[in-house]
Amino acid sequence: MKYVLLLVPCVLSLCTPFYNIIEPRLGGFPFFYWSLLLLVPVSALFILAAYKGEAR
């Protein structure tokens, strides 16, 4: 189960056709850029959840 948590952010970042769009914009940035920037803390949360699952 913990390895699936690590796989989710990797798969999300590789699914480029789903988020390779310009609209909606957030602060002037196209969706492509701010979605990848948002994926960084989301990935950290998934890594934290995998770590906590390993510690038990």
PDB file of N, CA and C in Angstrom:
ATOM      1  N   MET A   1       0.823  -1.196   0.000  1.00  0.00           N
ATOM      2  CA  MET A   1       0.000   0.000   0.000  1.00  0.00           C
ATOM      3  C   MET A   1       0.865   1.258   0.000  1.00  0.00           C
ATOM      4  N   LYS A   2       1.956   1.235   0.754  1.00  0.00           N
ATOM      5  CA  LYS A   2       2.790   2.434   0.839  1.00  0.00           C
ATOM      6  C   LYS A   2       3.463   2.753  -0.489  1.00  0.00           C
ATOM      7  N   TYR A   3       3.747   1.734  -1.302  1.00  0.00           N
ATOM      8  CA  TYR A   3       4.368   1.984  -2.593  1.00  0.00           C
ATOM      9  C   TYR A   3       3.384   2.574  -3.591  1.00  0.00           C
ATOM     10  N   VAL A   4       2.112   2.265  -3.430  1.00  0.00           N
ATOM     11  CA  VAL A   4       1.091   2.872  -4.274  1.00  0.00           C
ATOM     12  C   VAL A   4       1.023   4.368  -3.985  1.00  0.00           C
ATOM     13  N   LEU A   5       1.182   4.742  -2.729  1.00  0.00           N
ATOM     14  CA  LEU A   5       1.187   6.165  -2.377  1.00  0.00           C
ATOM     15  C   LEU A   5       2.341   6.899  -3.058  1.00  0.00           C
ATOM     16  N   LEU A   6       3.465   6.238  -3.225  1.00  0.00           N
ATOM     17  CA  LEU A   6       4.601   6.868  -3.887  1.00  0.00           C
ATOM     18  C   LEU A   6       4.425   6.903  -5.404  1.00  0.00           C
ATOM     19  N   LEU A   7       3.618   5.997  -5.917  1.00  0.00           N
ATOM     20  CA  LEU A   7       3.407   5.922  -7.353  1.00  0.00           C
ATOM     21  C   LEU A   7       2.426   6.979  -7.858  1.00  0.00           C
ATOM     22  N   VAL A   8       1.481   7.377  -7.016  1.00  0.00           N
ATOM     23  CA  VAL A   8       0.435   8.317  -7.432  1.00  0.00           C
ATOM     24  C   VAL A   8       1.008   9.642  -7.950  1.00  0.00           C
ATOM     25  N   PRO A   9       1.888  10.334  -7.226  1.00  0.00           N
ATOM     26  CA  PRO A   9       2.419  11.605  -7.758  1.00  0.00           C
ATOM     27  C   PRO A   9       3.232  11.422  -9.035  1.00  0.00           C
ATOM     28  N   CYS A  10       3.927  10.302  -9.147  1.00  0.00           N
ATOM     29  CA  CYS A  10       4.710  10.047 -10.359  1.00  0.00           C
ATOM     30  C   CYS A  10       3.796   9.891 -11.564  1.00  0.00           C
ATOM     31  N   VAL A  11       2.732   9.139 -11.400  1.00  0.00           N
ATOM     32  CA  VAL A  11       1.793   8.930 -12.497  1.00  0.00           C
ATOM     33  C   VAL A  11       1.089  10.243 -12.847  1.00  0.00           C
ATOM     34  N   LEU A  12       0.720  11.013 -11.839  1.00  0.00           N
ATOM     35  CA  LEU A  12       0.066  12.302 -12.097  1.00  0.00           C
ATOM     36  C   LEU A  12       0.968  13.244 -12.897  1.00  0.00           C
ATOM     37  N   SER A  13       2.237  13.260 -12.584  1.00  0.00           N
ATOM     38  CA  SER A  13       3.141  14.164 -13.293  1.00  0.00           C
ATOM     39  C   SER A  13       3.433  13.686 -14.711  1.00  0.00           C
ATOM     40  N   LEU A  14       3.261  12.399 -14.981  1.00  0.00           N
ATOM     41  CA  LEU A  14       3.515  11.867 -16.314  1.00  0.00           C
ATOM     42  C   LEU A  14       2.297  11.906 -17.230  1.00  0.00           C
ATOM     43  N   CYS A  15       1.142  12.232 -16.705  1.00  0.00           N
ATOM     44  CA  CYS A  15      -0.091  12.310 -17.502  1.00  0.00           C
ATOM     45  C   CYS A  15      -0.225  13.696 -18.124  1.00  0.00           C
ATOM     46  N   THR A  16       0.751  14.097 -18.884  1.00  0.00           N
ATOM     47  CA  THR A  16       0.808  15.438 -19.453  1.00  0.00           C
ATOM     48  C   THR A  16      -0.399  15.807 -20.318  1.00  0.00           C
ATOM     49  N   PRO A  17      -0.944  14.911 -21.128  1.00  0.00           N
ATOM     50  CA  PRO A  17      -2.084  15.331 -21.964  1.00  0.00           C
ATOM     51  C   PRO A  17      -3.296  15.814 -21.164  1.00  0.00           C
ATOM     52  N   PHE A  18      -3.417  15.412 -19.922  1.00  0.00           N
ATOM     53  CA  PHE A  18      -4.556  15.829 -19.114  1.00  0.00           C
ATOM     54  C   PHE A  18      -4.427  17.251 -18.584  1.00  0.00           C
ATOM     55  N   TYR A  19      -3.213  17.739 -18.404  1.00  0.00           N
ATOM     56  CA  TYR A  19      -3.059  19.088 -17.849  1.00  0.00           C
ATOM     57  C   TYR A  19      -2.247  20.011 -18.751  1.00  0.00           C
ATOM     58  N   ASN A  20      -2.049  19.632 -19.994  1.00  0.00           N
ATOM     59  CA  ASN A  20      -1.325  20.467 -20.941  1.00  0.00           C
ATOM     60  C   ASN A  20      -2.293  21.438 -21.621  1.00  0.00           C
ATOM     61  N   ILE A  21      -2.852  22.341 -20.807  1.00  0.00           N
ATOM     62  CA  ILE A  21      -3.792  23.337 -21.294  1.00  0.00           C
ATOM     63  C   ILE A  21      -3.405  24.702 -20.733  1.00  0.00           C
ATOM     64  N   ILE A  22      -3.922  25.741 -21.348  1.00  0.00           N
ATOM     65  CA  ILE A  22      -3.584  27.091 -20.908  1.00  0.00           C
ATOM     66  C   ILE A  22      -4.584  27.601 -19.878  1.00  0.00           C
ATOM     67  N   GLU A  23      -5.854  27.415 -20.134  1.00  0.00           N
ATOM     68  CA  GLU A  23      -6.905  27.908 -19.232  1.00  0.00           C
ATOM     69  C   GLU A  23      -7.269  26.824 -18.241  1.00  0.00           C
ATOM     70  N   PRO A  24      -7.599  27.082 -17.041  1.00  0.00           N
ATOM     71  CA  PRO A  24      -7.744  28.357 -16.363  1.00  0.00           C
ATOM     72  C   PRO A  24      -6.385  28.895 -15.911  1.00  0.00           C
ATOM     73  N   ARG A  25      -6.303  30.177 -15.846  1.00  0.00           N
ATOM     74  CA  ARG A  25      -5.081  30.828 -15.377  1.00  0.00           C
ATOM     75  C   ARG A  25      -5.228  31.169 -13.902  1.00  0.00           C
ATOM     76  N   LEU A  26      -4.126  31.121 -13.208  1.00  0.00           N
ATOM     77  CA  LEU A  26      -4.100  31.471 -11.788  1.00  0.00           C
ATOM     78  C   LEU A  26      -2.930  32.419 -11.579  1.00  0.00           C
ATOM     79  N   GLY A  27      -3.224  33.666 -11.299  1.00  0.00           N
ATOM     80  CA  GLY A  27      -2.178  34.666 -11.116  1.00  0.00           C
ATOM     81  C   GLY A  27      -1.386  34.920 -12.385  1.00  0.00           C
ATOM     82  N   GLY A  28      -2.001  34.724 -13.541  1.00  0.00           N
ATOM     83  CA  GLY A  28      -1.323  34.935 -14.807  1.00  0.00           C
ATOM     84  C   GLY A  28      -0.583  33.718 -15.325  1.00  0.00           C
ATOM     85  N   PHE A  29      -0.470  32.677 -14.507  1.00  0.00           N
ATOM     86  CA  PHE A  29       0.213  31.459 -14.928  1.00  0.00           C
ATOM     87  C   PHE A  29      -0.775  30.502 -15.581  1.00  0.00           C
ATOM     88  N   PRO A  30      -0.400  29.884 -16.696  1.00  0.00           N
ATOM     89  CA  PRO A  30      -1.276  28.885 -17.306  1.00  0.00           C
ATOM     90  C   PRO A  30      -1.435  27.662 -16.398  1.00  0.00           C
ATOM     91  N   PHE A  31      -2.481  26.911 -16.639  1.00  0.00           N
ATOM     92  CA  PHE A  31      -2.793  25.736 -15.824  1.00  0.00           C
ATOM     93  C   PHE A  31      -1.624  24.762 -15.758  1.00  0.00           C
ATOM     94  N   PHE A  32      -0.910  24.603 -16.871  1.00  0.00           N
ATOM     95  CA  PHE A  32       0.210  23.669 -16.921  1.00  0.00           C
ATOM     96  C   PHE A  32       1.233  23.955 -15.826  1.00  0.00           C
ATOM     97  N   TYR A  33       1.577  25.236 -15.652  1.00  0.00           N
ATOM     98  CA  TYR A  33       2.610  25.592 -14.684  1.00  0.00           C
ATOM     99  C   TYR A  33       2.117  25.502 -13.246  1.00  0.00           C
ATOM    100  N   TRP A  34       0.943  26.061 -12.961  1.00  0.00           N
ATOM    101  CA  TRP A  34       0.527  26.063 -11.568  1.00  0.00           C
ATOM    102  C   TRP A  34       0.068  24.689 -11.114  1.00  0.00           C
ATOM    103  N   SER A  35      -0.336  23.829 -12.039  1.00  0.00           N
ATOM    104  CA  SER A  35      -0.679  22.472 -11.615  1.00  0.00           C
ATOM    105  C   SER A  35       0.582  21.699 -11.225  1.00  0.00           C
ATOM    106  N   LEU A  36       1.663  21.912 -11.962  1.00  0.00           N
ATOM    107  CA  LEU A  36       2.923  21.255 -11.591  1.00  0.00           C
ATOM    108  C   LEU A  36       3.485  21.817 -10.289  1.00  0.00           C
ATOM    109  N   LEU A  37       3.331  23.128 -10.086  1.00  0.00           N
ATOM    110  CA  LEU A  37       3.776  23.719  -8.822  1.00  0.00           C
ATOM    111  C   LEU A  37       2.940  23.210  -7.653  1.00  0.00           C
ATOM    112  N   LEU A  38       1.673  22.973  -7.888  1.00  0.00           N
ATOM    113  CA  LEU A  38       0.805  22.421  -6.850  1.00  0.00           C
ATOM    114  C   LEU A  38       1.126  20.955  -6.576  1.00  0.00           C
ATOM    115  N   LEU A  39       1.641  20.261  -7.569  1.00  0.00           N
ATOM    116  CA  LEU A  39       1.963  18.845  -7.410  1.00  0.00           C
ATOM    117  C   LEU A  39       3.161  18.629  -6.469  1.00  0.00           C
ATOM    118  N   VAL A  40       4.003  19.616  -6.304  1.00  0.00           N
ATOM    119  CA  VAL A  40       5.171  19.478  -5.425  1.00  0.00           C
ATOM    120  C   VAL A  40       4.748  19.271  -3.965  1.00  0.00           C
ATOM    121  N   PRO A  41       3.918  20.138  -3.363  1.00  0.00           N
ATOM    122  CA  PRO A  41       3.504  19.866  -1.977  1.00  0.00           C
ATOM    123  C   PRO A  41       2.583  18.654  -1.863  1.00  0.00           C
ATOM    124  N   VAL A  42       1.802  18.383  -2.904  1.00  0.00           N
ATOM    125  CA  VAL A  42       0.958  17.189  -2.880  1.00  0.00           C
ATOM    126  C   VAL A  42       1.831  15.937  -2.849  1.00  0.00           C
ATOM    127  N   SER A  43       2.912  15.939  -3.624  1.00  0.00           N
ATOM    128  CA  SER A  43       3.851  14.816  -3.610  1.00  0.00           C
ATOM    129  C   SER A  43       4.498  14.661  -2.239  1.00  0.00           C
ATOM    130  N   ALA A  44       4.818  15.777  -1.614  1.00  0.00           N
ATOM    131  CA  ALA A  44       5.407  15.714  -0.275  1.00  0.00           C
ATOM    132  C   ALA A  44       4.432  15.098   0.716  1.00  0.00           C
ATOM    133  N   LEU A  45       3.150  15.391   0.578  1.00  0.00           N
ATOM    134  CA  LEU A  45       2.147  14.786   1.466  1.00  0.00           C
ATOM    135  C   LEU A  45       2.029  13.281   1.230  1.00  0.00           C
ATOM    136  N   PHE A  46       2.107  12.859  -0.010  1.00  0.00           N
ATOM    137  CA  PHE A  46       2.065  11.430  -0.301  1.00  0.00           C
ATOM    138  C   PHE A  46       3.304  10.719   0.243  1.00  0.00           C
ATOM    139  N   ILE A  47       4.463  11.361   0.140  1.00  0.00           N
ATOM    140  CA  ILE A  47       5.690  10.780   0.685  1.00  0.00           C
ATOM    141  C   ILE A  47       5.601  10.696   2.203  1.00  0.00           C
ATOM    142  N   LEU A  48       5.062  11.733   2.827  1.00  0.00           N
ATOM    143  CA  LEU A  48       4.870  11.714   4.276  1.00  0.00           C
ATOM    144  C   LEU A  48       3.922  10.589   4.692  1.00  0.00           C
ATOM    145  N   ALA A  49       2.836  10.407   3.944  1.00  0.00           N
ATOM    146  CA  ALA A  49       1.893   9.338   4.271  1.00  0.00           C
ATOM    147  C   ALA A  49       2.551   7.965   4.108  1.00  0.00           C
ATOM    148  N   ALA A  50       3.377   7.789   3.100  1.00  0.00           N
ATOM    149  CA  ALA A  50       4.089   6.513   2.914  1.00  0.00           C
ATOM    150  C   ALA A  50       5.074   6.291   4.050  1.00  0.00           C
ATOM    151  N   TYR A  51       5.738   7.359   4.482  1.00  0.00           N
ATOM    152  CA  TYR A  51       6.695   7.255   5.587  1.00  0.00           C
ATOM    153  C   TYR A  51       5.988   6.884   6.884  1.00  0.00           C
ATOM    154  N   LYS A  52       4.869   7.535   7.139  1.00  0.00           N
ATOM    155  CA  LYS A  52       4.120   7.229   8.364  1.00  0.00           C
ATOM    156  C   LYS A  52       3.573   5.808   8.322  1.00  0.00           C
ATOM    157  N   GLY A  53       3.191   5.339   7.151  1.00  0.00           N
ATOM    158  CA  GLY A  53       2.740   3.964   7.013  1.00  0.00           C
ATOM    159  C   GLY A  53       3.856   2.966   7.242  1.00  0.00           C
ATOM    160  N   GLU A  54       5.077   3.333   6.882  1.00  0.00           N
ATOM    161  CA  GLU A  54       6.237   2.476   7.097  1.00  0.00           C
ATOM    162  C   GLU A  54       6.627   2.431   8.569  1.00  0.00           C
ATOM    163  N   ALA A  55       6.445   3.528   9.272  1.00  0.00           N
ATOM    164  CA  ALA A  55       6.863   3.612  10.673  1.00  0.00           C
ATOM    165  C   ALA A  55       6.020   2.710  11.579  1.00  0.00           C
ATOM    166  N   ARG A  56       4.836   2.363  11.129  1.00  0.00           N
ATOM    167  CA  ARG A  56       3.968   1.524  11.980  1.00  0.00           C
ATOM    168  C   ARG A  56       4.300   0.098  11.915  1.00  0.00           C
TER     169      ARG A  56
END
